[in-house]
Amino acid sequence: MRTVLSVSLPENISEELEKFAKSTGRNKSDIVKESLGLFLWEMKLKAVRKKLAPKAKRLGLVSEEDVFKAIS
């Protein structure tokens, strides 16, 4: 099932989107869907990091390198 969503964009973003769509041969709808999907994924990742950060610090995991070393 699909839902149609109407979005109002500032003129400069609309122009950039139009140029990008033309230069890549993609349609604006697909670009916006992909962008929104990436944004939502990043927000979920940020929420998980925020939730786990205190526990990680207590375990001495303060950098991504520390995490990679711990799980390798």
N, C-alpha and C. Protein backbone atom coordinates (compact mmCIF):
# COMPACT_ATOMS: atom_id res chain seq x y z
N MET A 1 0.83 -1.17 0.00
CA MET A 1 0.00 0.00 0.00
C MET A 1 0.88 1.24 0.00
N ARG A 2 0.50 2.24 -0.71
CA ARG A 2 1.24 3.49 -0.78
C ARG A 2 0.40 4.63 -0.23
N THR A 3 1.08 5.62 0.29
CA THR A 3 0.45 6.83 0.76
C THR A 3 1.04 8.00 0.00
N VAL A 4 0.23 8.89 -0.43
CA VAL A 4 0.70 10.09 -1.13
C VAL A 4 0.89 11.19 -0.10
N LEU A 5 2.03 11.85 -0.18
CA LEU A 5 2.36 12.92 0.76
C LEU A 5 2.74 14.15 -0.04
N SER A 6 2.12 15.25 0.24
CA SER A 6 2.45 16.51 -0.42
C SER A 6 3.40 17.28 0.49
N VAL A 7 4.52 17.73 -0.07
CA VAL A 7 5.51 18.44 0.73
C VAL A 7 5.81 19.78 0.09
N SER A 8 5.84 20.81 0.90
CA SER A 8 6.20 22.14 0.42
C SER A 8 7.68 22.36 0.69
N LEU A 9 8.42 22.70 -0.35
CA LEU A 9 9.87 22.90 -0.22
C LEU A 9 10.23 24.35 -0.49
N PRO A 10 11.25 24.85 0.20
CA PRO A 10 11.76 26.18 -0.15
C PRO A 10 12.27 26.14 -1.60
N GLU A 11 12.20 27.26 -2.27
CA GLU A 11 12.54 27.31 -3.69
C GLU A 11 13.95 26.80 -3.97
N ASN A 12 14.92 27.16 -3.13
CA ASN A 12 16.30 26.73 -3.38
C ASN A 12 16.45 25.21 -3.30
N ILE A 13 15.77 24.57 -2.36
CA ILE A 13 15.85 23.11 -2.25
C ILE A 13 15.12 22.46 -3.42
N SER A 14 14.00 23.04 -3.80
CA SER A 14 13.26 22.51 -4.95
C SER A 14 14.10 22.57 -6.22
N GLU A 15 14.80 23.67 -6.41
CA GLU A 15 15.66 23.82 -7.59
C GLU A 15 16.81 22.82 -7.56
N GLU A 16 17.43 22.65 -6.40
CA GLU A 16 18.51 21.68 -6.27
C GLU A 16 18.02 20.26 -6.55
N LEU A 17 16.86 19.93 -6.02
CA LEU A 17 16.28 18.62 -6.25
C LEU A 17 16.02 18.40 -7.74
N GLU A 18 15.47 19.39 -8.39
CA GLU A 18 15.18 19.30 -9.82
C GLU A 18 16.47 19.09 -10.62
N LYS A 19 17.51 19.86 -10.32
CA LYS A 19 18.79 19.73 -11.02
C LYS A 19 19.40 18.35 -10.78
N PHE A 20 19.34 17.90 -9.52
CA PHE A 20 19.92 16.59 -9.20
C PHE A 20 19.17 15.48 -9.92
N ALA A 21 17.86 15.57 -9.93
CA ALA A 21 17.05 14.55 -10.62
C ALA A 21 17.40 14.50 -12.10
N LYS A 22 17.50 15.66 -12.72
CA LYS A 22 17.85 15.69 -14.16
C LYS A 22 19.24 15.15 -14.41
N SER A 23 20.20 15.53 -13.56
CA SER A 23 21.59 15.11 -13.79
C SER A 23 21.80 13.62 -13.55
N THR A 24 20.95 13.01 -12.75
CA THR A 24 21.11 11.59 -12.45
C THR A 24 20.11 10.70 -13.19
N GLY A 25 19.16 11.34 -13.86
CA GLY A 25 18.15 10.57 -14.58
C GLY A 25 17.16 9.86 -13.67
N ARG A 26 17.02 10.35 -12.46
CA ARG A 26 16.09 9.76 -11.50
C ARG A 26 14.92 10.70 -11.31
N ASN A 27 13.82 10.16 -10.79
CA ASN A 27 12.70 11.07 -10.53
C ASN A 27 12.78 11.60 -9.09
N LYS A 28 12.17 12.76 -8.91
CA LYS A 28 12.25 13.43 -7.60
C LYS A 28 11.64 12.60 -6.49
N SER A 29 10.59 11.89 -6.78
CA SER A 29 9.93 11.08 -5.77
C SER A 29 10.87 10.01 -5.22
N ASP A 30 11.59 9.34 -6.12
CA ASP A 30 12.53 8.30 -5.66
C ASP A 30 13.66 8.89 -4.83
N ILE A 31 14.14 10.05 -5.23
CA ILE A 31 15.21 10.70 -4.47
C ILE A 31 14.73 11.08 -3.07
N VAL A 32 13.53 11.62 -2.98
CA VAL A 32 12.98 12.01 -1.67
C VAL A 32 12.73 10.77 -0.81
N LYS A 33 12.19 9.68 -1.41
CA LYS A 33 11.96 8.45 -0.63
C LYS A 33 13.27 7.90 -0.08
N GLU A 34 14.31 7.86 -0.93
CA GLU A 34 15.59 7.35 -0.47
C GLU A 34 16.18 8.25 0.62
N SER A 35 16.09 9.54 0.43
CA SER A 35 16.62 10.49 1.41
C SER A 35 15.90 10.37 2.75
N LEU A 36 14.59 10.25 2.72
CA LEU A 36 13.82 10.11 3.95
C LEU A 36 14.15 8.79 4.65
N GLY A 37 14.29 7.73 3.88
CA GLY A 37 14.66 6.44 4.47
C GLY A 37 16.00 6.52 5.18
N LEU A 38 17.00 7.17 4.53
CA LEU A 38 18.31 7.33 5.16
C LEU A 38 18.24 8.19 6.41
N PHE A 39 17.44 9.26 6.35
CA PHE A 39 17.28 10.14 7.51
C PHE A 39 16.68 9.38 8.69
N LEU A 40 15.63 8.61 8.44
CA LEU A 40 14.99 7.85 9.52
C LEU A 40 15.93 6.81 10.10
N TRP A 41 16.70 6.14 9.25
CA TRP A 41 17.68 5.16 9.73
C TRP A 41 18.72 5.85 10.62
N GLU A 42 19.21 7.01 10.19
CA GLU A 42 20.21 7.74 10.98
C GLU A 42 19.64 8.19 12.33
N MET A 43 18.38 8.59 12.36
CA MET A 43 17.76 9.01 13.61
C MET A 43 17.61 7.83 14.57
N LYS A 44 17.27 6.64 14.03
CA LYS A 44 17.18 5.45 14.88
C LYS A 44 18.56 5.09 15.43
N LEU A 45 19.57 5.16 14.59
CA LEU A 45 20.94 4.85 15.02
C LEU A 45 21.39 5.84 16.10
N LYS A 46 21.08 7.11 15.92
CA LYS A 46 21.44 8.13 16.90
C LYS A 46 20.76 7.84 18.24
N ALA A 47 19.49 7.42 18.21
CA ALA A 47 18.76 7.11 19.44
C ALA A 47 19.38 5.92 20.16
N VAL A 48 19.79 4.90 19.40
CA VAL A 48 20.42 3.72 20.01
C VAL A 48 21.75 4.11 20.63
N ARG A 49 22.54 4.90 19.91
CA ARG A 49 23.83 5.34 20.45
C ARG A 49 23.65 6.11 21.75
N LYS A 50 22.66 7.01 21.76
CA LYS A 50 22.41 7.81 22.96
C LYS A 50 22.03 6.92 24.14
N LYS A 51 21.22 5.91 23.87
CA LYS A 51 20.77 5.00 24.92
C LYS A 51 21.92 4.15 25.46
N LEU A 52 22.81 3.71 24.55
CA LEU A 52 23.87 2.79 24.96
C LEU A 52 25.16 3.49 25.42
N ALA A 53 25.30 4.77 25.14
CA ALA A 53 26.54 5.49 25.45
C ALA A 53 26.94 5.40 26.92
N PRO A 54 26.05 5.61 27.88
CA PRO A 54 26.48 5.54 29.29
C PRO A 54 27.04 4.16 29.66
N LYS A 55 26.39 3.11 29.21
CA LYS A 55 26.87 1.75 29.51
C LYS A 55 28.21 1.50 28.83
N ALA A 56 28.36 1.95 27.60
CA ALA A 56 29.61 1.76 26.87
C ALA A 56 30.76 2.48 27.59
N LYS A 57 30.51 3.69 28.05
CA LYS A 57 31.55 4.44 28.76
C LYS A 57 31.98 3.72 30.04
N ARG A 58 30.99 3.15 30.76
CA ARG A 58 31.33 2.40 31.97
C ARG A 58 32.20 1.20 31.66
N LEU A 59 32.04 0.64 30.45
CA LEU A 59 32.83 -0.52 30.03
C LEU A 59 34.15 -0.11 29.38
N GLY A 60 34.40 1.20 29.30
CA GLY A 60 35.64 1.68 28.70
C GLY A 60 35.59 1.76 27.17
N LEU A 61 34.41 1.71 26.62
CA LEU A 61 34.25 1.79 25.18
C LEU A 61 33.88 3.23 24.84
N VAL A 62 34.90 4.03 24.51
CA VAL A 62 34.66 5.45 24.28
C VAL A 62 34.77 5.86 22.81
N SER A 63 35.28 4.98 21.97
CA SER A 63 35.39 5.30 20.55
C SER A 63 34.88 4.12 19.72
N GLU A 64 34.62 4.38 18.46
CA GLU A 64 34.18 3.29 17.58
C GLU A 64 35.27 2.23 17.47
N GLU A 65 36.52 2.66 17.52
CA GLU A 65 37.64 1.71 17.47
C GLU A 65 37.59 0.78 18.67
N ASP A 66 37.27 1.29 19.86
CA ASP A 66 37.14 0.46 21.06
C ASP A 66 36.05 -0.59 20.85
N VAL A 67 34.93 -0.19 20.25
CA VAL A 67 33.83 -1.11 20.01
C VAL A 67 34.25 -2.20 19.04
N PHE A 68 34.90 -1.80 17.95
CA PHE A 68 35.35 -2.79 16.95
C PHE A 68 36.33 -3.80 17.56
N LYS A 69 37.23 -3.30 18.41
CA LYS A 69 38.19 -4.20 19.07
C LYS A 69 37.47 -5.16 19.99
N ALA A 70 36.44 -4.69 20.69
CA ALA A 70 35.71 -5.52 21.64
C ALA A 70 34.90 -6.61 20.95
N ILE A 71 34.40 -6.35 19.76
CA ILE A 71 33.56 -7.35 19.09
C ILE A 71 34.33 -8.20 18.09
N SER A 72 35.60 -7.88 17.83
CA SER A 72 36.37 -8.69 16.86
C SER A 72 37.02 -9.87 17.53
